[in-house]
Amino acid sequence: MFIVPLALTIYAFIDCLNTTEEDTKHLPKIAWVFIILLFWIVGPVVWLAVGKKRHNRAGGTGPGSWQRRGRQQWVAPDDNPDFLKSLKDDKDAEAEAEEERGRRDGGTGPDDKTPPTS
């Protein structure tokens, strides 16, 4: 009966200390620390519920804003012109690098028609 509220208080206290001042809501950070420590059953629950700005993982938007704006169309990679252009650019860069290596090696590449000199 005593361990669960204590663990919750310790977790909320450490979470509050690790939160930046800009991410705390409604009260200054020092006020949240006192609330968590003085009201050790209610304080941590309030901190976890409303005291901190929550960020979505992976930089995405939440489902509420996603539903309001409507679905964004997903495009398969083989239909995405930007992806296809990046593949072409990569292929061109690779061909240029191979050509440069052939010039550096003295023209003894697989496309060179002259036999190597001994």
Protein backbone atom coordinates (compact mmCIF):
# COMPACT_ATOMS: atom_id res chain seq x y z
CA MET A 1 0.00 0.00 0.00
CA PHE A 2 2.91 2.31 0.67
CA ILE A 3 5.26 1.34 -2.18
CA VAL A 4 3.01 2.19 -5.16
CA PRO A 5 2.35 5.85 -4.18
CA LEU A 6 6.02 6.25 -3.27
CA ALA A 7 7.15 4.86 -6.63
CA LEU A 8 4.65 7.11 -8.44
CA THR A 9 5.92 10.13 -6.51
CA ILE A 10 9.55 9.33 -7.31
CA TYR A 11 8.75 8.80 -10.99
CA ALA A 12 6.79 12.06 -11.25
CA PHE A 13 9.48 13.97 -9.35
CA ILE A 14 12.25 12.76 -11.67
CA ASP A 15 10.05 13.38 -14.73
CA CYS A 16 9.36 16.91 -13.54
CA LEU A 17 13.05 17.61 -12.93
CA ASN A 18 13.96 16.33 -16.43
CA THR A 19 11.26 18.42 -18.12
CA THR A 20 12.31 21.79 -19.50
CA GLU A 21 10.67 24.97 -18.25
CA GLU A 22 9.09 25.50 -21.68
CA ASP A 23 7.37 22.10 -21.56
CA THR A 24 5.67 22.62 -18.20
CA LYS A 25 2.05 23.71 -18.37
CA HIS A 26 -0.08 25.91 -16.12
CA LEU A 27 2.51 26.50 -13.35
CA PRO A 28 6.25 27.13 -13.06
CA LYS A 29 8.42 24.06 -12.72
CA ILE A 30 9.33 24.79 -9.09
CA ALA A 31 5.63 24.91 -8.20
CA TRP A 32 5.13 21.47 -9.76
CA VAL A 33 8.03 20.10 -7.72
CA PHE A 34 6.42 21.34 -4.49
CA ILE A 35 3.00 19.98 -5.50
CA ILE A 36 4.49 16.56 -6.28
CA LEU A 37 6.40 16.40 -3.00
CA LEU A 38 3.77 17.90 -0.67
CA PHE A 39 0.70 16.13 -2.05
CA TRP A 40 2.42 12.82 -2.65
CA ILE A 41 -0.62 10.87 -3.83
CA VAL A 42 -2.57 13.50 -5.76
CA GLY A 43 0.40 15.63 -6.87
CA PRO A 44 2.07 13.01 -9.09
CA VAL A 45 -1.22 12.07 -10.71
CA VAL A 46 -1.99 15.72 -11.50
CA TRP A 47 1.54 16.23 -12.87
CA LEU A 48 1.24 13.22 -15.16
CA ALA A 49 -2.24 14.23 -16.30
CA VAL A 50 -1.90 17.97 -16.95
CA GLY A 51 1.50 19.29 -15.90
CA LYS A 52 3.59 18.50 -18.96
CA LYS A 53 3.24 19.08 -22.69
CA ARG A 54 3.19 15.71 -24.39
CA HIS A 55 4.95 15.33 -27.73
CA ASN A 56 3.94 12.81 -30.35
CA ARG A 57 6.47 10.14 -31.14
CA ALA A 58 8.35 10.26 -34.42
CA GLY A 59 7.35 13.84 -35.02
CA GLY A 60 3.91 12.86 -36.30
CA THR A 61 0.63 14.59 -35.72
CA GLY A 62 -2.00 13.28 -33.36
CA PRO A 63 -5.09 11.48 -34.58
CA GLY A 64 -7.31 14.49 -33.85
CA SER A 65 -5.53 16.82 -36.24
CA TRP A 66 -5.13 13.99 -38.76
CA GLN A 67 -8.89 13.40 -38.81
CA ARG A 68 -9.72 17.10 -39.05
CA ARG A 69 -7.48 17.69 -42.06
CA GLY A 70 -8.49 14.49 -43.78
CA ARG A 71 -6.28 11.65 -44.82
CA GLN A 72 -3.05 12.37 -46.55
CA GLN A 73 -2.56 10.26 -49.62
CA TRP A 74 0.22 7.72 -49.34
CA VAL A 75 2.19 7.17 -52.52
CA ALA A 76 4.03 3.95 -53.27
CA PRO A 77 7.75 4.42 -53.96
CA ASP A 78 7.45 3.33 -57.59
CA ASP A 79 4.75 5.98 -58.14
CA ASN A 80 6.52 8.75 -56.25
CA PRO A 81 8.27 11.08 -58.72
CA ASP A 82 10.66 12.42 -56.05
CA PHE A 83 11.79 8.90 -55.17
CA LEU A 84 12.25 7.95 -58.82
CA LYS A 85 14.28 11.11 -59.41
CA SER A 86 16.51 10.31 -56.44
CA LEU A 87 17.14 6.82 -57.90
CA LYS A 88 18.09 8.35 -61.25
CA ASP A 89 20.38 10.85 -59.53
CA ASP A 90 22.04 8.03 -57.56
CA LYS A 91 22.52 6.01 -60.74
CA ASP A 92 24.02 9.01 -62.56
CA ALA A 93 26.37 9.74 -59.67
CA GLU A 94 27.46 6.10 -59.55
CA ALA A 95 28.14 6.08 -63.31
CA GLU A 96 30.20 9.27 -63.02
CA ALA A 97 32.21 7.80 -60.14
CA GLU A 98 32.89 4.64 -62.15
CA GLU A 99 33.96 6.70 -65.14
CA GLU A 100 36.30 8.76 -62.95
CA ARG A 101 37.85 5.59 -61.50
CA GLY A 102 38.43 4.32 -65.05
CA ARG A 103 40.20 7.54 -65.99
CA ARG A 104 42.34 7.40 -62.85
CA ASP A 105 43.35 3.80 -63.49
CA GLY A 106 44.65 4.71 -66.93
CA GLY A 107 41.74 3.63 -69.09
CA THR A 108 41.87 -0.09 -68.32
CA GLY A 109 38.19 -0.37 -67.54
CA PRO A 110 35.83 -3.02 -68.95
CA ASP A 111 34.59 -0.60 -71.66
CA ASP A 112 38.11 0.20 -72.87
CA LYS A 113 38.78 -1.36 -76.30
CA THR A 114 42.59 -1.03 -76.20
CA PRO A 115 44.57 -3.87 -74.65
CA PRO A 116 46.63 -3.02 -71.58
CA THR A 117 50.30 -2.32 -72.19
CA SER A 118 52.91 -4.48 -70.50
